[in-house]
Amino acid sequence: MKILVIGGGGREHALVWKLNQSAHVEKIFCAPGNPGISEMAECVPIAVNQVDQLAEYAESQKIDLTVVGPE
């Protein structure tokens, strides 16, 4: 399963950390992410408010699940 986590704070770090423990997860992407998250996921330089670009990226990478961290 490919997962896209949206956000770059502590909440998203915790989400990526836990998702990374699953045997079902093939790869995790995080937009925009942060240096700590980059140790567990591929950070993507797309801001959380760039919804169209996030959707296009998710389609292009064939993302199976998107987790939105920010309110």
PDB file of N, CA and C in Angstrom:
ATOM      1  N   MET A   1       0.838  -1.172   0.000  1.00  0.00           N
ATOM      2  CA  MET A   1       0.000   0.000   0.000  1.00  0.00           C
ATOM      3  C   MET A   1       0.885   1.238   0.000  1.00  0.00           C
ATOM      4  N   LYS A   2       0.570   2.200  -0.851  1.00  0.00           N
ATOM      5  CA  LYS A   2       1.263   3.493  -0.873  1.00  0.00           C
ATOM      6  C   LYS A   2       0.392   4.504  -0.139  1.00  0.00           C
ATOM      7  N   ILE A   3       1.019   5.249   0.760  1.00  0.00           N
ATOM      8  CA  ILE A   3       0.287   6.201   1.595  1.00  0.00           C
ATOM      9  C   ILE A   3       0.884   7.590   1.451  1.00  0.00           C
ATOM     10  N   LEU A   4       0.009   8.580   1.352  1.00  0.00           N
ATOM     11  CA  LEU A   4       0.410   9.988   1.347  1.00  0.00           C
ATOM     12  C   LEU A   4      -0.105  10.622   2.626  1.00  0.00           C
ATOM     13  N   VAL A   5       0.800  11.150   3.432  1.00  0.00           N
ATOM     14  CA  VAL A   5       0.433  11.885   4.642  1.00  0.00           C
ATOM     15  C   VAL A   5       0.627  13.366   4.338  1.00  0.00           C
ATOM     16  N   ILE A   6      -0.398  14.151   4.615  1.00  0.00           N
ATOM     17  CA  ILE A   6      -0.338  15.584   4.335  1.00  0.00           C
ATOM     18  C   ILE A   6      -0.086  16.331   5.636  1.00  0.00           C
ATOM     19  N   GLY A   7       0.981  17.131   5.644  1.00  0.00           N
ATOM     20  CA  GLY A   7       1.348  17.931   6.802  1.00  0.00           C
ATOM     21  C   GLY A   7       2.830  17.794   7.082  1.00  0.00           C
ATOM     22  N   GLY A   8       3.289  18.512   8.086  1.00  0.00           N
ATOM     23  CA  GLY A   8       4.716  18.484   8.371  1.00  0.00           C
ATOM     24  C   GLY A   8       5.063  18.730   9.822  1.00  0.00           C
ATOM     25  N   GLY A   9       4.098  18.534  10.707  1.00  0.00           N
ATOM     26  CA  GLY A   9       4.360  18.791  12.113  1.00  0.00           C
ATOM     27  C   GLY A   9       4.519  17.520  12.924  1.00  0.00           C
ATOM     28  N   GLY A  10       4.431  17.676  14.225  1.00  0.00           N
ATOM     29  CA  GLY A  10       4.577  16.550  15.132  1.00  0.00           C
ATOM     30  C   GLY A  10       3.492  15.502  14.980  1.00  0.00           C
ATOM     31  N   ARG A  11       2.276  15.944  14.725  1.00  0.00           N
ATOM     32  CA  ARG A  11       1.169  15.012  14.526  1.00  0.00           C
ATOM     33  C   ARG A  11       1.440  14.103  13.331  1.00  0.00           C
ATOM     34  N   GLU A  12       1.893  14.718  12.235  1.00  0.00           N
ATOM     35  CA  GLU A  12       2.181  13.953  11.025  1.00  0.00           C
ATOM     36  C   GLU A  12       3.382  13.029  11.235  1.00  0.00           C
ATOM     37  N   HIS A  13       4.342  13.487  12.011  1.00  0.00           N
ATOM     38  CA  HIS A  13       5.499  12.645  12.335  1.00  0.00           C
ATOM     39  C   HIS A  13       5.032  11.386  13.062  1.00  0.00           C
ATOM     40  N   ALA A  14       4.141  11.549  14.024  1.00  0.00           N
ATOM     41  CA  ALA A  14       3.613  10.403  14.772  1.00  0.00           C
ATOM     42  C   ALA A  14       2.818   9.470  13.853  1.00  0.00           C
ATOM     43  N   LEU A  15       2.040  10.036  12.945  1.00  0.00           N
ATOM     44  CA  LEU A  15       1.280   9.218  11.997  1.00  0.00           C
ATOM     45  C   LEU A  15       2.210   8.408  11.097  1.00  0.00           C
ATOM     46  N   VAL A  16       3.227   9.060  10.560  1.00  0.00           N
ATOM     47  CA  VAL A  16       4.187   8.372   9.689  1.00  0.00           C
ATOM     48  C   VAL A  16       4.917   7.295  10.468  1.00  0.00           C
ATOM     49  N   TRP A  17       5.325   7.599  11.683  1.00  0.00           N
ATOM     50  CA  TRP A  17       6.033   6.639  12.522  1.00  0.00           C
ATOM     51  C   TRP A  17       5.203   5.368  12.716  1.00  0.00           C
ATOM     52  N   LYS A  18       3.919   5.541  13.029  1.00  0.00           N
ATOM     53  CA  LYS A  18       3.058   4.384  13.273  1.00  0.00           C
ATOM     54  C   LYS A  18       2.739   3.649  11.971  1.00  0.00           C
ATOM     55  N   LEU A  19       2.415   4.368  10.914  1.00  0.00           N
ATOM     56  CA  LEU A  19       2.128   3.731   9.630  1.00  0.00           C
ATOM     57  C   LEU A  19       3.331   2.938   9.130  1.00  0.00           C
ATOM     58  N   ASN A  20       4.512   3.437   9.389  1.00  0.00           N
ATOM     59  CA  ASN A  20       5.748   2.795   8.951  1.00  0.00           C
ATOM     60  C   ASN A  20       5.949   1.418   9.593  1.00  0.00           C
ATOM     61  N   GLN A  21       5.254   1.143  10.670  1.00  0.00           N
ATOM     62  CA  GLN A  21       5.385  -0.132  11.369  1.00  0.00           C
ATOM     63  C   GLN A  21       4.551  -1.247  10.736  1.00  0.00           C
ATOM     64  N   SER A  22       3.656  -0.900   9.836  1.00  0.00           N
ATOM     65  CA  SER A  22       2.771  -1.887   9.224  1.00  0.00           C
ATOM     66  C   SER A  22       3.457  -2.640   8.086  1.00  0.00           C
ATOM     67  N   ALA A  23       3.278  -3.934   8.073  1.00  0.00           N
ATOM     68  CA  ALA A  23       3.815  -4.766   6.995  1.00  0.00           C
ATOM     69  C   ALA A  23       3.060  -4.540   5.684  1.00  0.00           C
ATOM     70  N   HIS A  24       1.889  -3.933   5.752  1.00  0.00           N
ATOM     71  CA  HIS A  24       1.072  -3.680   4.560  1.00  0.00           C
ATOM     72  C   HIS A  24       1.518  -2.437   3.793  1.00  0.00           C
ATOM     73  N   VAL A  25       2.360  -1.631   4.405  1.00  0.00           N
ATOM     74  CA  VAL A  25       2.783  -0.370   3.792  1.00  0.00           C
ATOM     75  C   VAL A  25       4.008  -0.597   2.920  1.00  0.00           C
ATOM     76  N   GLU A  26       3.864  -0.272   1.640  1.00  0.00           N
ATOM     77  CA  GLU A  26       4.960  -0.383   0.685  1.00  0.00           C
ATOM     78  C   GLU A  26       5.850   0.860   0.731  1.00  0.00           C
ATOM     79  N   LYS A  27       5.203   2.039   0.744  1.00  0.00           N
ATOM     80  CA  LYS A  27       5.953   3.296   0.740  1.00  0.00           C
ATOM     81  C   LYS A  27       5.067   4.395   1.315  1.00  0.00           C
ATOM     82  N   ILE A  28       5.711   5.335   2.026  1.00  0.00           N
ATOM     83  CA  ILE A  28       5.010   6.483   2.588  1.00  0.00           C
ATOM     84  C   ILE A  28       5.607   7.745   1.992  1.00  0.00           C
ATOM     85  N   PHE A  29       4.735   8.639   1.568  1.00  0.00           N
ATOM     86  CA  PHE A  29       5.108   9.962   1.093  1.00  0.00           C
ATOM     87  C   PHE A  29       4.519  10.960   2.080  1.00  0.00           C
ATOM     88  N   CYS A  30       5.176  12.092   2.265  1.00  0.00           N
ATOM     89  CA  CYS A  30       4.650  13.121   3.152  1.00  0.00           C
ATOM     90  C   CYS A  30       4.837  14.479   2.502  1.00  0.00           C
ATOM     91  N   ALA A  31       3.751  15.244   2.434  1.00  0.00           N
ATOM     92  CA  ALA A  31       3.791  16.571   1.817  1.00  0.00           C
ATOM     93  C   ALA A  31       3.378  17.622   2.838  1.00  0.00           C
ATOM     94  N   PRO A  32       4.205  18.578   3.204  1.00  0.00           N
ATOM     95  CA  PRO A  32       5.577  18.716   2.765  1.00  0.00           C
ATOM     96  C   PRO A  32       6.574  17.924   3.596  1.00  0.00           C
ATOM     97  N   GLY A  33       6.154  17.460   4.775  1.00  0.00           N
ATOM     98  CA  GLY A  33       7.080  16.712   5.618  1.00  0.00           C
ATOM     99  C   GLY A  33       8.047  17.619   6.368  1.00  0.00           C
ATOM    100  N   ASN A  34       9.057  17.016   6.988  1.00  0.00           N
ATOM    101  CA  ASN A  34      10.102  17.749   7.702  1.00  0.00           C
ATOM    102  C   ASN A  34      11.323  16.828   7.807  1.00  0.00           C
ATOM    103  N   PRO A  35      12.452  17.321   8.291  1.00  0.00           N
ATOM    104  CA  PRO A  35      13.657  16.488   8.338  1.00  0.00           C
ATOM    105  C   PRO A  35      13.493  15.190   9.137  1.00  0.00           C
ATOM    106  N   GLY A  36      12.745  15.225  10.219  1.00  0.00           N
ATOM    107  CA  GLY A  36      12.529  14.007  10.999  1.00  0.00           C
ATOM    108  C   GLY A  36      11.696  12.985  10.243  1.00  0.00           C
ATOM    109  N   ILE A  37      10.668  13.466   9.562  1.00  0.00           N
ATOM    110  CA  ILE A  37       9.799  12.587   8.779  1.00  0.00           C
ATOM    111  C   ILE A  37      10.576  11.975   7.619  1.00  0.00           C
ATOM    112  N   SER A  38      11.535  12.719   7.075  1.00  0.00           N
ATOM    113  CA  SER A  38      12.270  12.241   5.903  1.00  0.00           C
ATOM    114  C   SER A  38      13.079  10.974   6.185  1.00  0.00           C
ATOM    115  N   GLU A  39      13.268  10.644   7.454  1.00  0.00           N
ATOM    116  CA  GLU A  39      13.960   9.407   7.801  1.00  0.00           C
ATOM    117  C   GLU A  39      13.067   8.181   7.599  1.00  0.00           C
ATOM    118  N   MET A  40      11.744   8.406   7.522  1.00  0.00           N
ATOM    119  CA  MET A  40      10.797   7.297   7.394  1.00  0.00           C
ATOM    120  C   MET A  40       9.957   7.358   6.134  1.00  0.00           C
ATOM    121  N   ALA A  41       9.908   8.517   5.500  1.00  0.00           N
ATOM    122  CA  ALA A  41       9.039   8.709   4.338  1.00  0.00           C
ATOM    123  C   ALA A  41       9.731   9.618   3.332  1.00  0.00           C
ATOM    124  N   GLU A  42       9.259   9.558   2.116  1.00  0.00           N
ATOM    125  CA  GLU A  42       9.770  10.466   1.088  1.00  0.00           C
ATOM    126  C   GLU A  42       8.997  11.776   1.180  1.00  0.00           C
ATOM    127  N   CYS A  43       9.699  12.860   1.457  1.00  0.00           N
ATOM    128  CA  CYS A  43       9.047  14.168   1.558  1.00  0.00           C
ATOM    129  C   CYS A  43       8.845  14.756   0.164  1.00  0.00           C
ATOM    130  N   VAL A  44       7.678  15.350  -0.010  1.00  0.00           N
ATOM    131  CA  VAL A  44       7.277  15.916  -1.298  1.00  0.00           C
ATOM    132  C   VAL A  44       7.057  17.414  -1.089  1.00  0.00           C
ATOM    133  N   PRO A  45       7.714  18.273  -1.868  1.00  0.00           N
ATOM    134  CA  PRO A  45       7.617  19.720  -1.649  1.00  0.00           C
ATOM    135  C   PRO A  45       6.317  20.341  -2.175  1.00  0.00           C
ATOM    136  N   ILE A  46       5.200  19.904  -1.615  1.00  0.00           N
ATOM    137  CA  ILE A  46       3.897  20.471  -1.959  1.00  0.00           C
ATOM    138  C   ILE A  46       3.262  20.936  -0.651  1.00  0.00           C
ATOM    139  N   ALA A  47       2.840  22.197  -0.607  1.00  0.00           N
ATOM    140  CA  ALA A  47       2.239  22.766   0.603  1.00  0.00           C
ATOM    141  C   ALA A  47       0.862  22.163   0.861  1.00  0.00           C
ATOM    142  N   VAL A  48       0.458  22.169   2.113  1.00  0.00           N
ATOM    143  CA  VAL A  48      -0.820  21.569   2.501  1.00  0.00           C
ATOM    144  C   VAL A  48      -2.022  22.254   1.861  1.00  0.00           C
ATOM    145  N   ASN A  49      -1.880  23.517   1.476  1.00  0.00           N
ATOM    146  CA  ASN A  49      -3.009  24.242   0.871  1.00  0.00           C
ATOM    147  C   ASN A  49      -3.021  24.172  -0.655  1.00  0.00           C
ATOM    148  N   GLN A  50      -2.108  23.444  -1.249  1.00  0.00           N
ATOM    149  CA  GLN A  50      -2.066  23.273  -2.709  1.00  0.00           C
ATOM    150  C   GLN A  50      -2.812  21.987  -3.070  1.00  0.00           C
ATOM    151  N   VAL A  51      -4.113  22.034  -2.878  1.00  0.00           N
ATOM    152  CA  VAL A  51      -4.954  20.846  -2.992  1.00  0.00           C
ATOM    153  C   VAL A  51      -4.907  20.229  -4.388  1.00  0.00           C
ATOM    154  N   ASP A  52      -4.959  21.044  -5.427  1.00  0.00           N
ATOM    155  CA  ASP A  52      -4.921  20.504  -6.785  1.00  0.00           C
ATOM    156  C   ASP A  52      -3.613  19.765  -7.054  1.00  0.00           C
ATOM    157  N   GLN A  53      -2.501  20.336  -6.618  1.00  0.00           N
ATOM    158  CA  GLN A  53      -1.208  19.691  -6.817  1.00  0.00           C
ATOM    159  C   GLN A  53      -1.103  18.398  -5.998  1.00  0.00           C
ATOM    160  N   LEU A  54      -1.658  18.402  -4.791  1.00  0.00           N
ATOM    161  CA  LEU A  54      -1.655  17.188  -3.971  1.00  0.00           C
ATOM    162  C   LEU A  54      -2.468  16.083  -4.644  1.00  0.00           C
ATOM    163  N   ALA A  55      -3.613  16.443  -5.188  1.00  0.00           N
ATOM    164  CA  ALA A  55      -4.458  15.456  -5.881  1.00  0.00           C
ATOM    165  C   ALA A  55      -3.752  14.900  -7.113  1.00  0.00           C
ATOM    166  N   GLU A  56      -3.125  15.779  -7.877  1.00  0.00           N
ATOM    167  CA  GLU A  56      -2.387  15.331  -9.060  1.00  0.00           C
ATOM    168  C   GLU A  56      -1.241  14.399  -8.670  1.00  0.00           C
ATOM    169  N   TYR A  57      -0.531  14.744  -7.604  1.00  0.00           N
ATOM    170  CA  TYR A  57       0.573  13.918  -7.145  1.00  0.00           C
ATOM    171  C   TYR A  57       0.062  12.541  -6.697  1.00  0.00           C
ATOM    172  N   ALA A  58      -1.020  12.539  -5.951  1.00  0.00           N
ATOM    173  CA  ALA A  58      -1.592  11.273  -5.481  1.00  0.00           C
ATOM    174  C   ALA A  58      -1.974  10.379  -6.655  1.00  0.00           C
ATOM    175  N   GLU A  59      -2.557  10.969  -7.671  1.00  0.00           N
ATOM    176  CA  GLU A  59      -2.912  10.192  -8.867  1.00  0.00           C
ATOM    177  C   GLU A  59      -1.678   9.678  -9.584  1.00  0.00           C
ATOM    178  N   SER A  60      -0.688  10.534  -9.744  1.00  0.00           N
ATOM    179  CA  SER A  60       0.512  10.143 -10.494  1.00  0.00           C
ATOM    180  C   SER A  60       1.296   9.035  -9.790  1.00  0.00           C
ATOM    181  N   GLN A  61       1.255   9.009  -8.464  1.00  0.00           N
ATOM    182  CA  GLN A  61       1.982   7.997  -7.692  1.00  0.00           C
ATOM    183  C   GLN A  61       1.123   6.779  -7.364  1.00  0.00           C
ATOM    184  N   LYS A  62      -0.146   6.817  -7.800  1.00  0.00           N
ATOM    185  CA  LYS A  62      -1.086   5.723  -7.508  1.00  0.00           C
ATOM    186  C   LYS A  62      -1.184   5.461  -5.999  1.00  0.00           C
ATOM    187  N   ILE A  63      -1.436   6.547  -5.268  1.00  0.00           N
ATOM    188  CA  ILE A  63      -1.565   6.482  -3.812  1.00  0.00           C
ATOM    189  C   ILE A  63      -2.838   5.725  -3.450  1.00  0.00           C
ATOM    190  N   ASP A  64      -2.732   4.793  -2.513  1.00  0.00           N
ATOM    191  CA  ASP A  64      -3.879   4.001  -2.071  1.00  0.00           C
ATOM    192  C   ASP A  64      -4.653   4.660  -0.938  1.00  0.00           C
ATOM    193  N   LEU A  65      -3.954   5.426  -0.100  1.00  0.00           N
ATOM    194  CA  LEU A  65      -4.574   6.043   1.063  1.00  0.00           C
ATOM    195  C   LEU A  65      -3.919   7.378   1.335  1.00  0.00           C
ATOM    196  N   THR A  66      -4.736   8.384   1.576  1.00  0.00           N
ATOM    197  CA  THR A  66      -4.228   9.704   1.960  1.00  0.00           C
ATOM    198  C   THR A  66      -4.699  10.005   3.375  1.00  0.00           C
ATOM    199  N   VAL A  67      -3.768  10.425   4.224  1.00  0.00           N
ATOM    200  CA  VAL A  67      -4.078  10.801   5.602  1.00  0.00           C
ATOM    201  C   VAL A  67      -3.798  12.281   5.741  1.00  0.00           C
ATOM    202  N   VAL A  68      -4.832  13.042   6.085  1.00  0.00           N
ATOM    203  CA  VAL A  68      -4.691  14.488   6.218  1.00  0.00           C
ATOM    204  C   VAL A  68      -4.492  14.817   7.697  1.00  0.00           C
ATOM    205  N   GLY A  69      -3.323  15.381   8.021  1.00  0.00           N
ATOM    206  CA  GLY A  69      -3.003  15.696   9.403  1.00  0.00           C
ATOM    207  C   GLY A  69      -3.560  17.037   9.864  1.00  0.00           C
ATOM    208  N   PRO A  70      -3.314  18.123   9.112  1.00  0.00           N
ATOM    209  CA  PRO A  70      -3.776  19.440   9.565  1.00  0.00           C
ATOM    210  C   PRO A  70      -5.297  19.558   9.589  1.00  0.00           C
ATOM    211  N   GLU A  71      -5.762  20.420  10.457  1.00  0.00           N
ATOM    212  CA  GLU A  71      -7.197  20.643  10.531  1.00  0.00           C
ATOM    213  C   GLU A  71      -7.693  21.124   9.201  1.00  0.00           C
TER     214      GLU A  71
END
